[in-house]
Amino acid sequence: MYRYDAITPSTKVYGVIADPVGHSLSPVVHNAACAAAGIDAVYLPFLVPKGHLGDVLKNSKRWPLAGLSVTIPHKENVVGFASSQGDSVEEIGAANTISFDDETRAMKVFNTDVTAAVAAIQASLAAQEVGFGGRLGLKTVLILGAGGAARAIAFGLKQQGVEVTIASRTVERSQTLAELVNGKVVEWSGRHRLPYDCVVNATPIGMHPKVNETPFEAKHLRPYMVVFDTVYNPENTMLVKEAQDVGCKVVTGVEMFVRQAAEQFKIWHGQEPPEGVMRMALKQATSSVRIIE
């Protein structure tokens, strides 16, 4: 996957910074895309504990890095280290993409989660022939989580005219996000009490290897609901499977992940991404995970 024997001094280096990072399939997707497009680049995983983000980013300007993906737990903190920002980053307060200028080494951050999340919902509902009123088709959404992914999704859905409610284990973070999107807050213990058109899991609950966990109890799911789980490894999380059993319309994390990665590819390489290759690489990788388990 990393093509070590093909790396030369001219090979551009990209990567993902996270903690943990072992679960990330970004290297699988981006290395497959670069190979398919004939781009001389390699994409690597970097374990960066939360307290070390600043040191890593300061030193990264001296390293031959062309770009980085940013995920848990760094999406919010990374914004403060940027030289410049792409659209919506300031409003959202979170970023998932870094691009380094080849000459000045200036760091620009972007958020590709916003459009990816909305597009994933639109595409999935269209494929399932779902029809609702409104621009997106949803009126009320409960977002589980208040981190970087939740901020991007809440912002994107608010732009579509959806009423957003936030539930997380940290009430203060929920309140901060709710204020950002003029939304509402419910305590984590009360997340099942009200009916919603859509439930979004923007937490790591259900992520490999803790695949037997779910953030939303099945007995509270209803057939009219849309359930969107941002976890992509595995694709068929417990939440996804239980939602399908109930008859909910389901959006998996694979679609959002591929779309945000495709947008990163455009930013870094300046050309259209081989999205089909990226999707296939991700699905093959997640299928392998399920077989091993």
C-alpha atoms as a PDB file:
ATOM      1  CA  MET A   1       0.000   0.000   0.000  1.00  0.00           C
ATOM      2  CA  TYR A   2       2.804   2.428   0.843  1.00  0.00           C
ATOM      3  CA  ARG A   3       5.009   1.474  -2.146  1.00  0.00           C
ATOM      4  CA  TYR A   4       8.208   1.912  -0.124  1.00  0.00           C
ATOM      5  CA  ASP A   5      10.355   0.728  -3.037  1.00  0.00           C
ATOM      6  CA  ALA A   6       8.929   3.458  -5.297  1.00  0.00           C
ATOM      7  CA  ILE A   7       9.521   6.393  -2.934  1.00  0.00           C
ATOM      8  CA  THR A   8      12.091   8.917  -4.182  1.00  0.00           C
ATOM      9  CA  PRO A   9      13.219  12.393  -3.049  1.00  0.00           C
ATOM     10  CA  SER A  10      10.532  13.864  -5.317  1.00  0.00           C
ATOM     11  CA  THR A  11       7.692  11.816  -3.800  1.00  0.00           C
ATOM     12  CA  LYS A  12       5.192  14.047  -2.013  1.00  0.00           C
ATOM     13  CA  VAL A  13       4.238  12.987   1.496  1.00  0.00           C
ATOM     14  CA  TYR A  14       0.719  13.208   2.918  1.00  0.00           C
ATOM     15  CA  GLY A  15      -0.806  11.659   5.999  1.00  0.00           C
ATOM     16  CA  VAL A  16      -3.432  11.553   8.716  1.00  0.00           C
ATOM     17  CA  ILE A  17      -2.916  12.780  12.282  1.00  0.00           C
ATOM     18  CA  ALA A  18      -5.086  11.193  14.956  1.00  0.00           C
ATOM     19  CA  ASP A  19      -5.155   9.440  18.327  1.00  0.00           C
ATOM     20  CA  PRO A  20      -5.854   6.605  17.948  1.00  0.00           C
ATOM     21  CA  VAL A  21      -4.788   6.264  14.327  1.00  0.00           C
ATOM     22  CA  GLY A  22      -4.683   2.496  13.855  1.00  0.00           C
ATOM     23  CA  HIS A  23      -8.352   2.347  12.863  1.00  0.00           C
ATOM     24  CA  SER A  24      -7.996   4.946  10.098  1.00  0.00           C
ATOM     25  CA  LEU A  25      -8.463   3.743   6.547  1.00  0.00           C
ATOM     26  CA  SER A  26      -7.444   7.074   5.043  1.00  0.00           C
ATOM     27  CA  PRO A  27      -4.081   5.584   3.952  1.00  0.00           C
ATOM     28  CA  VAL A  28      -5.915   2.829   2.070  1.00  0.00           C
ATOM     29  CA  VAL A  29      -8.171   5.279   0.254  1.00  0.00           C
ATOM     30  CA  HIS A  30      -5.645   8.003  -0.576  1.00  0.00           C
ATOM     31  CA  ASN A  31      -2.833   5.662  -1.624  1.00  0.00           C
ATOM     32  CA  ALA A  32      -5.237   3.816  -3.925  1.00  0.00           C
ATOM     33  CA  ALA A  33      -6.383   7.129  -5.409  1.00  0.00           C
ATOM     34  CA  CYS A  34      -2.838   8.378  -6.009  1.00  0.00           C
ATOM     35  CA  ALA A  35      -1.831   5.096  -7.625  1.00  0.00           C
ATOM     36  CA  ALA A  36      -4.872   5.156  -9.916  1.00  0.00           C
ATOM     37  CA  ALA A  37      -4.195   8.779 -10.902  1.00  0.00           C
ATOM     38  CA  GLY A  38      -0.480   8.203 -11.468  1.00  0.00           C
ATOM     39  CA  ILE A  39       0.527  10.703  -8.771  1.00  0.00           C
ATOM     40  CA  ASP A  40       3.951  10.312  -7.158  1.00  0.00           C
ATOM     41  CA  ALA A  41       2.836  10.527  -3.541  1.00  0.00           C
ATOM     42  CA  VAL A  42       2.570   8.456  -0.387  1.00  0.00           C
ATOM     43  CA  TYR A  43       0.048   8.821   2.430  1.00  0.00           C
ATOM     44  CA  LEU A  44       1.028   7.715   5.950  1.00  0.00           C
ATOM     45  CA  PRO A  45      -0.624   7.391   9.397  1.00  0.00           C
ATOM     46  CA  PHE A  46       0.801   9.553  12.200  1.00  0.00           C
ATOM     47  CA  LEU A  47      -0.114   8.926  15.834  1.00  0.00           C
ATOM     48  CA  VAL A  48      -0.357  12.362  17.459  1.00  0.00           C
ATOM     49  CA  PRO A  49      -1.581  12.468  21.087  1.00  0.00           C
ATOM     50  CA  LYS A  50      -3.807  15.430  21.908  1.00  0.00           C
ATOM     51  CA  GLY A  51      -1.219  17.257  23.985  1.00  0.00           C
ATOM     52  CA  HIS A  52       1.400  17.067  21.222  1.00  0.00           C
ATOM     53  CA  LEU A  53      -0.521  18.618  18.330  1.00  0.00           C
ATOM     54  CA  GLY A  54       1.205  21.992  18.607  1.00  0.00           C
ATOM     55  CA  ASP A  55       4.718  20.539  18.611  1.00  0.00           C
ATOM     56  CA  VAL A  56       3.954  18.305  15.651  1.00  0.00           C
ATOM     57  CA  LEU A  57       2.464  21.102  13.546  1.00  0.00           C
ATOM     58  CA  LYS A  58       5.301  23.498  14.302  1.00  0.00           C
ATOM     59  CA  ASN A  59       7.889  20.902  13.334  1.00  0.00           C
ATOM     60  CA  SER A  60       5.883  19.706  10.332  1.00  0.00           C
ATOM     61  CA  LYS A  61       6.731  22.927   8.512  1.00  0.00           C
ATOM     62  CA  ARG A  62      10.318  21.679   8.359  1.00  0.00           C
ATOM     63  CA  TRP A  63       9.319  18.248   7.109  1.00  0.00           C
ATOM     64  CA  PRO A  64       8.554  17.393   3.467  1.00  0.00           C
ATOM     65  CA  LEU A  65       4.810  17.226   4.102  1.00  0.00           C
ATOM     66  CA  ALA A  66       2.413  18.378   1.398  1.00  0.00           C
ATOM     67  CA  GLY A  67      -0.819  17.836   3.294  1.00  0.00           C
ATOM     68  CA  LEU A  68      -2.534  16.178   6.225  1.00  0.00           C
ATOM     69  CA  SER A  69      -5.945  14.815   7.087  1.00  0.00           C
ATOM     70  CA  VAL A  70      -7.046  15.694  10.609  1.00  0.00           C
ATOM     71  CA  THR A  71      -9.361  13.604  12.745  1.00  0.00           C
ATOM     72  CA  ILE A  72     -10.133  12.692  16.368  1.00  0.00           C
ATOM     73  CA  PRO A  73      -9.221  14.471  18.633  1.00  0.00           C
ATOM     74  CA  HIS A  74      -7.626  17.354  16.676  1.00  0.00           C
ATOM     75  CA  LYS A  75     -10.303  18.827  14.387  1.00  0.00           C
ATOM     76  CA  GLU A  76     -11.057  21.799  16.599  1.00  0.00           C
ATOM     77  CA  ASN A  77      -7.606  22.531  17.996  1.00  0.00           C
ATOM     78  CA  VAL A  78      -5.905  22.497  14.595  1.00  0.00           C
ATOM     79  CA  VAL A  79      -7.698  25.677  13.504  1.00  0.00           C
ATOM     80  CA  GLY A  80      -5.639  27.843  15.844  1.00  0.00           C
ATOM     81  CA  PHE A  81      -2.365  26.831  14.183  1.00  0.00           C
ATOM     82  CA  ALA A  82      -3.375  27.756  10.631  1.00  0.00           C
ATOM     83  CA  SER A  83      -1.945  30.606   8.568  1.00  0.00           C
ATOM     84  CA  SER A  84      -5.201  30.801   6.591  1.00  0.00           C
ATOM     85  CA  GLN A  85      -8.558  29.078   6.352  1.00  0.00           C
ATOM     86  CA  GLY A  86     -10.870  27.753   3.687  1.00  0.00           C
ATOM     87  CA  ASP A  87     -14.600  28.449   3.456  1.00  0.00           C
ATOM     88  CA  SER A  88     -16.676  27.883   6.608  1.00  0.00           C
ATOM     89  CA  VAL A  89     -13.761  26.907   8.870  1.00  0.00           C
ATOM     90  CA  GLU A  90     -14.050  30.017  11.024  1.00  0.00           C
ATOM     91  CA  GLU A  91     -17.807  29.617  11.447  1.00  0.00           C
ATOM     92  CA  ILE A  92     -17.574  25.903  12.220  1.00  0.00           C
ATOM     93  CA  GLY A  93     -14.500  26.118  14.402  1.00  0.00           C
ATOM     94  CA  ALA A  94     -13.141  22.834  13.086  1.00  0.00           C
ATOM     95  CA  ALA A  95     -11.063  21.576  10.163  1.00  0.00           C
ATOM     96  CA  ASN A  96     -10.176  18.161   8.791  1.00  0.00           C
ATOM     97  CA  THR A  97      -7.654  19.051   6.088  1.00  0.00           C
ATOM     98  CA  ILE A  98      -4.264  20.796   6.002  1.00  0.00           C
ATOM     99  CA  SER A  99      -2.404  21.938   2.905  1.00  0.00           C
ATOM    100  CA  PHE A 100       1.203  23.169   3.130  1.00  0.00           C
ATOM    101  CA  ASP A 101       2.513  25.732   0.654  1.00  0.00           C
ATOM    102  CA  ASP A 102       5.503  24.233  -1.179  1.00  0.00           C
ATOM    103  CA  GLU A 103       7.586  27.399  -0.898  1.00  0.00           C
ATOM    104  CA  THR A 104       6.534  29.257   2.249  1.00  0.00           C
ATOM    105  CA  ARG A 105       5.365  26.171   4.212  1.00  0.00           C
ATOM    106  CA  ALA A 106       2.345  28.209   5.297  1.00  0.00           C
ATOM    107  CA  MET A 107      -0.455  26.012   6.592  1.00  0.00           C
ATOM    108  CA  LYS A 108      -4.002  26.417   5.267  1.00  0.00           C
ATOM    109  CA  VAL A 109      -6.870  24.447   6.793  1.00  0.00           C
ATOM    110  CA  PHE A 110     -10.135  23.343   5.207  1.00  0.00           C
ATOM    111  CA  ASN A 111     -13.284  21.511   6.238  1.00  0.00           C
ATOM    112  CA  THR A 112     -14.463  18.968   3.691  1.00  0.00           C
ATOM    113  CA  ASP A 113     -16.886  17.312   6.135  1.00  0.00           C
ATOM    114  CA  VAL A 114     -19.635  19.910   5.649  1.00  0.00           C
ATOM    115  CA  THR A 115     -20.454  19.331   1.996  1.00  0.00           C
ATOM    116  CA  ALA A 116     -19.606  15.627   2.280  1.00  0.00           C
ATOM    117  CA  ALA A 117     -22.179  15.045   5.026  1.00  0.00           C
ATOM    118  CA  VAL A 118     -25.013  16.851   3.259  1.00  0.00           C
ATOM    119  CA  ALA A 119     -24.177  15.239  -0.093  1.00  0.00           C
ATOM    120  CA  ALA A 120     -24.044  11.788   1.511  1.00  0.00           C
ATOM    121  CA  ILE A 121     -27.506  12.238   3.006  1.00  0.00           C
ATOM    122  CA  GLN A 122     -28.937  13.613  -0.235  1.00  0.00           C
ATOM    123  CA  ALA A 123     -27.466  10.818  -2.358  1.00  0.00           C
ATOM    124  CA  SER A 124     -28.499   8.042   0.011  1.00  0.00           C
ATOM    125  CA  LEU A 125     -32.068   9.298   0.380  1.00  0.00           C
ATOM    126  CA  ALA A 126     -32.383   9.806  -3.369  1.00  0.00           C
ATOM    127  CA  ALA A 127     -31.194   6.235  -3.947  1.00  0.00           C
ATOM    128  CA  GLN A 128     -33.815   5.013  -1.462  1.00  0.00           C
ATOM    129  CA  GLU A 129     -36.475   7.187  -3.129  1.00  0.00           C
ATOM    130  CA  VAL A 130     -37.291   9.086   0.039  1.00  0.00           C
ATOM    131  CA  GLY A 131     -39.426  12.195  -0.319  1.00  0.00           C
ATOM    132  CA  PHE A 132     -39.878  14.828   2.396  1.00  0.00           C
ATOM    133  CA  GLY A 133     -40.699  18.507   2.399  1.00  0.00           C
ATOM    134  CA  GLY A 134     -37.916  21.087   2.590  1.00  0.00           C
ATOM    135  CA  ARG A 135     -34.628  21.601   0.774  1.00  0.00           C
ATOM    136  CA  LEU A 136     -32.986  18.492   2.214  1.00  0.00           C
ATOM    137  CA  GLY A 137     -36.173  16.726   3.141  1.00  0.00           C
ATOM    138  CA  LEU A 138     -35.576  16.742   6.882  1.00  0.00           C
ATOM    139  CA  LYS A 139     -37.129  19.046   9.467  1.00  0.00           C
ATOM    140  CA  THR A 140     -35.589  17.913  12.761  1.00  0.00           C
ATOM    141  CA  VAL A 141     -32.305  16.153  13.462  1.00  0.00           C
ATOM    142  CA  LEU A 142     -30.676  14.869  16.631  1.00  0.00           C
ATOM    143  CA  ILE A 143     -26.883  14.918  16.444  1.00  0.00           C
ATOM    144  CA  LEU A 144     -25.090  12.674  18.907  1.00  0.00           C
ATOM    145  CA  GLY A 145     -21.726  14.211  19.757  1.00  0.00           C
ATOM    146  CA  ALA A 146     -20.332  17.728  19.868  1.00  0.00           C
ATOM    147  CA  GLY A 147     -16.837  17.339  18.440  1.00  0.00           C
ATOM    148  CA  GLY A 148     -15.350  18.346  15.104  1.00  0.00           C
ATOM    149  CA  ALA A 149     -17.474  16.044  12.947  1.00  0.00           C
ATOM    150  CA  ALA A 150     -20.642  17.048  14.796  1.00  0.00           C
ATOM    151  CA  ARG A 151     -19.839  20.730  14.290  1.00  0.00           C
ATOM    152  CA  ALA A 152     -19.443  20.292  10.536  1.00  0.00           C
ATOM    153  CA  ILE A 153     -22.609  18.233  10.166  1.00  0.00           C
ATOM    154  CA  ALA A 154     -24.660  20.592  12.334  1.00  0.00           C
ATOM    155  CA  PHE A 155     -23.449  23.573  10.303  1.00  0.00           C
ATOM    156  CA  GLY A 156     -24.230  21.860   6.999  1.00  0.00           C
ATOM    157  CA  LEU A 157     -27.713  20.778   8.062  1.00  0.00           C
ATOM    158  CA  LYS A 158     -28.506  24.198   9.496  1.00  0.00           C
ATOM    159  CA  GLN A 159     -27.653  25.694   6.098  1.00  0.00           C
ATOM    160  CA  GLN A 160     -30.290  23.356   4.651  1.00  0.00           C
ATOM    161  CA  GLY A 161     -32.955  24.698   7.001  1.00  0.00           C
ATOM    162  CA  VAL A 162     -33.000  21.726   9.374  1.00  0.00           C
ATOM    163  CA  GLU A 163     -33.727  22.248  13.088  1.00  0.00           C
ATOM    164  CA  VAL A 164     -30.741  20.823  14.974  1.00  0.00           C
ATOM    165  CA  THR A 165     -30.656  19.336  18.482  1.00  0.00           C
ATOM    166  CA  ILE A 166     -27.372  18.309  20.107  1.00  0.00           C
ATOM    167  CA  ALA A 167     -26.799  15.573  22.695  1.00  0.00           C
ATOM    168  CA  SER A 168     -23.369  14.721  24.053  1.00  0.00           C
ATOM    169  CA  ARG A 169     -21.884  13.549  27.322  1.00  0.00           C
ATOM    170  CA  THR A 170     -20.489  17.045  27.905  1.00  0.00           C
ATOM    171  CA  VAL A 171     -23.335  19.542  28.267  1.00  0.00           C
ATOM    172  CA  GLU A 172     -21.040  22.557  27.905  1.00  0.00           C
ATOM    173  CA  ARG A 173     -19.802  21.367  24.505  1.00  0.00           C
ATOM    174  CA  SER A 174     -23.373  20.668  23.430  1.00  0.00           C
ATOM    175  CA  GLN A 175     -24.412  24.181  24.402  1.00  0.00           C
ATOM    176  CA  THR A 176     -21.502  25.742  22.522  1.00  0.00           C
ATOM    177  CA  LEU A 177     -22.394  23.859  19.352  1.00  0.00           C
ATOM    178  CA  ALA A 178     -26.106  24.564  19.714  1.00  0.00           C
ATOM    179  CA  GLU A 179     -25.370  28.289  19.943  1.00  0.00           C
ATOM    180  CA  LEU A 180     -23.313  28.043  16.742  1.00  0.00           C
ATOM    181  CA  VAL A 181     -26.265  26.695  14.752  1.00  0.00           C
ATOM    182  CA  ASN A 182     -29.092  28.286  16.747  1.00  0.00           C
ATOM    183  CA  GLY A 183     -30.097  24.808  17.838  1.00  0.00           C
ATOM    184  CA  LYS A 184     -31.286  23.035  20.960  1.00  0.00           C
ATOM    185  CA  VAL A 185     -29.638  20.856  23.606  1.00  0.00           C
ATOM    186  CA  VAL A 186     -30.810  17.698  25.337  1.00  0.00           C
ATOM    187  CA  GLU A 187     -28.845  15.827  27.962  1.00  0.00           C
ATOM    188  CA  TRP A 188     -27.261  12.556  26.879  1.00  0.00           C
ATOM    189  CA  SER A 189     -29.610  10.648  29.184  1.00  0.00           C
ATOM    190  CA  GLY A 190     -32.589  12.303  27.499  1.00  0.00           C
ATOM    191  CA  ARG A 191     -31.595  11.728  23.878  1.00  0.00           C
ATOM    192  CA  HIS A 192     -34.343   9.144  23.285  1.00  0.00           C
ATOM    193  CA  ARG A 193     -37.276  11.186  24.578  1.00  0.00           C
ATOM    194  CA  LEU A 194     -38.305  13.301  21.584  1.00  0.00           C
ATOM    195  CA  PRO A 195     -39.127  12.163  18.037  1.00  0.00           C
ATOM    196  CA  TYR A 196     -36.790  13.316  15.255  1.00  0.00           C
ATOM    197  CA  ASP A 197     -36.784  12.920  11.484  1.00  0.00           C
ATOM    198  CA  CYS A 198     -33.108  12.031  11.583  1.00  0.00           C
ATOM    199  CA  VAL A 199     -30.551  10.748  14.097  1.00  0.00           C
ATOM    200  CA  VAL A 200     -26.852  11.317  13.357  1.00  0.00           C
ATOM    201  CA  ASN A 201     -24.099   9.506  15.227  1.00  0.00           C
ATOM    202  CA  ALA A 202     -21.065  11.799  15.209  1.00  0.00           C
ATOM    203  CA  THR A 203     -19.326   9.968  18.066  1.00  0.00           C
ATOM    204  CA  PRO A 204     -16.790   7.110  17.869  1.00  0.00           C
ATOM    205  CA  ILE A 205     -19.318   4.739  19.480  1.00  0.00           C
ATOM    206  CA  GLY A 206     -19.536   1.595  17.364  1.00  0.00           C
ATOM    207  CA  MET A 207     -16.127   2.115  15.748  1.00  0.00           C
ATOM    208  CA  HIS A 208     -13.753  -0.834  15.342  1.00  0.00           C
ATOM    209  CA  PRO A 209     -12.797  -2.580  17.595  1.00  0.00           C
ATOM    210  CA  LYS A 210     -15.791  -1.755  19.852  1.00  0.00           C
ATOM    211  CA  VAL A 211     -18.280  -2.901  17.258  1.00  0.00           C
ATOM    212  CA  ASN A 212     -20.886  -4.168  19.723  1.00  0.00           C
ATOM    213  CA  GLU A 213     -21.747  -0.703  21.042  1.00  0.00           C
ATOM    214  CA  THR A 214     -24.429   1.710  19.849  1.00  0.00           C
ATOM    215  CA  PRO A 215     -25.157   5.333  20.821  1.00  0.00           C
ATOM    216  CA  PHE A 216     -28.921   5.026  20.319  1.00  0.00           C
ATOM    217  CA  GLU A 217     -31.053   2.198  21.691  1.00  0.00           C
ATOM    218  CA  ALA A 218     -32.908   0.177  19.070  1.00  0.00           C
ATOM    219  CA  LYS A 219     -36.223   0.292  20.943  1.00  0.00           C
ATOM    220  CA  HIS A 220     -36.394   4.041  20.286  1.00  0.00           C
ATOM    221  CA  LEU A 221     -35.876   3.782  16.514  1.00  0.00           C
ATOM    222  CA  ARG A 222     -38.914   4.263  14.271  1.00  0.00           C
ATOM    223  CA  PRO A 223     -39.427   3.273  10.613  1.00  0.00           C
ATOM    224  CA  TYR A 224     -39.935   6.893   9.513  1.00  0.00           C
ATOM    225  CA  MET A 225     -36.490   7.930  10.796  1.00  0.00           C
ATOM    226  CA  VAL A 226     -33.350   8.529   8.788  1.00  0.00           C
ATOM    227  CA  VAL A 227     -30.303   7.176  10.630  1.00  0.00           C
ATOM    228  CA  PHE A 228     -26.861   8.476   9.642  1.00  0.00           C
ATOM    229  CA  ASP A 229     -23.830   6.867  11.282  1.00  0.00           C
ATOM    230  CA  THR A 230     -20.547   8.647  10.520  1.00  0.00           C
ATOM    231  CA  VAL A 231     -18.545   5.603  11.639  1.00  0.00           C
ATOM    232  CA  TYR A 232     -17.170   3.900   8.521  1.00  0.00           C
ATOM    233  CA  ASN A 233     -15.077   1.104  10.052  1.00  0.00           C
ATOM    234  CA  PRO A 234     -17.092  -1.066  10.114  1.00  0.00           C
ATOM    235  CA  GLU A 235     -19.665   0.236   7.658  1.00  0.00           C
ATOM    236  CA  ASN A 236     -22.426  -1.921   9.104  1.00  0.00           C
ATOM    237  CA  THR A 237     -22.266  -0.748  12.695  1.00  0.00           C
ATOM    238  CA  MET A 238     -24.692  -2.037  15.301  1.00  0.00           C
ATOM    239  CA  LEU A 239     -26.654   1.208  14.913  1.00  0.00           C
ATOM    240  CA  VAL A 240     -26.860   0.740  11.143  1.00  0.00           C
ATOM    241  CA  LYS A 241     -27.951  -2.896  11.418  1.00  0.00           C
ATOM    242  CA  GLU A 242     -30.578  -2.187  14.060  1.00  0.00           C
ATOM    243  CA  ALA A 243     -31.910   0.768  12.064  1.00  0.00           C
ATOM    244  CA  GLN A 244     -32.209  -1.407   8.968  1.00  0.00           C
ATOM    245  CA  ASP A 245     -34.044  -4.071  10.971  1.00  0.00           C
ATOM    246  CA  VAL A 246     -36.586  -1.469  12.109  1.00  0.00           C
ATOM    247  CA  GLY A 247     -37.050  -0.184   8.560  1.00  0.00           C
ATOM    248  CA  CYS A 248     -35.273   3.164   8.899  1.00  0.00           C
ATOM    249  CA  LYS A 249     -33.649   4.845   5.927  1.00  0.00           C
ATOM    250  CA  VAL A 250     -29.914   4.457   6.539  1.00  0.00           C
ATOM    251  CA  VAL A 251     -26.891   6.545   5.551  1.00  0.00           C
ATOM    252  CA  THR A 252     -23.573   4.867   6.340  1.00  0.00           C
ATOM    253  CA  GLY A 253     -20.270   6.515   7.136  1.00  0.00           C
ATOM    254  CA  VAL A 254     -18.699   5.176   3.948  1.00  0.00           C
ATOM    255  CA  GLU A 255     -20.438   7.726   1.730  1.00  0.00           C
ATOM    256  CA  MET A 256     -19.436  10.692   3.870  1.00  0.00           C
ATOM    257  CA  PHE A 257     -15.893   9.419   4.268  1.00  0.00           C
ATOM    258  CA  VAL A 258     -15.349   8.885   0.550  1.00  0.00           C
ATOM    259  CA  ARG A 259     -16.810  12.285  -0.327  1.00  0.00           C
ATOM    260  CA  GLN A 260     -14.691  14.192   2.187  1.00  0.00           C
ATOM    261  CA  ALA A 261     -11.589  12.291   1.066  1.00  0.00           C
ATOM    262  CA  ALA A 262     -12.392  13.051  -2.579  1.00  0.00           C
ATOM    263  CA  GLU A 263     -12.579  16.758  -1.756  1.00  0.00           C
ATOM    264  CA  GLN A 264      -9.222  16.509   0.023  1.00  0.00           C
ATOM    265  CA  PHE A 265      -7.782  14.929  -3.115  1.00  0.00           C
ATOM    266  CA  LYS A 266      -8.953  17.938  -5.165  1.00  0.00           C
ATOM    267  CA  ILE A 267      -7.393  20.381  -2.710  1.00  0.00           C
ATOM    268  CA  TRP A 268      -4.027  18.617  -2.634  1.00  0.00           C
ATOM    269  CA  HIS A 269      -3.635  17.478  -6.221  1.00  0.00           C
ATOM    270  CA  GLY A 270      -5.699  19.974  -8.186  1.00  0.00           C
ATOM    271  CA  GLN A 271      -7.560  17.382 -10.222  1.00  0.00           C
ATOM    272  CA  GLU A 272     -10.726  15.323 -10.124  1.00  0.00           C
ATOM    273  CA  PRO A 273     -10.420  12.306  -7.814  1.00  0.00           C
ATOM    274  CA  PRO A 274     -10.974   8.693  -8.891  1.00  0.00           C
ATOM    275  CA  GLU A 275     -13.935   8.465  -6.538  1.00  0.00           C
ATOM    276  CA  GLY A 276     -14.931   4.988  -7.678  1.00  0.00           C
ATOM    277  CA  VAL A 277     -11.469   3.672  -6.865  1.00  0.00           C
ATOM    278  CA  MET A 278     -11.593   5.326  -3.456  1.00  0.00           C
ATOM    279  CA  ARG A 279     -14.991   3.853  -2.641  1.00  0.00           C
ATOM    280  CA  MET A 280     -13.947   0.381  -3.753  1.00  0.00           C
ATOM    281  CA  ALA A 281     -10.733   0.514  -1.718  1.00  0.00           C
ATOM    282  CA  LEU A 282     -12.657   1.518   1.396  1.00  0.00           C
ATOM    283  CA  LYS A 283     -15.339  -1.128   0.969  1.00  0.00           C
ATOM    284  CA  GLN A 284     -12.730  -3.839   0.424  1.00  0.00           C
ATOM    285  CA  ALA A 285     -10.867  -2.751   3.545  1.00  0.00           C
ATOM    286  CA  THR A 286     -13.966  -2.660   5.742  1.00  0.00           C
ATOM    287  CA  SER A 287     -15.105  -6.021   4.379  1.00  0.00           C
ATOM    288  CA  SER A 288     -11.750  -7.472   5.419  1.00  0.00           C
ATOM    289  CA  VAL A 289     -12.223  -6.100   8.923  1.00  0.00           C
ATOM    290  CA  ARG A 290     -15.595  -7.778   9.251  1.00  0.00           C
ATOM    291  CA  ILE A 291     -14.253 -11.129   8.052  1.00  0.00           C
ATOM    292  CA  ILE A 292     -11.376 -11.049  10.534  1.00  0.00           C
ATOM    293  CA  GLU A 293     -13.746 -10.373  13.392  1.00  0.00           C
END
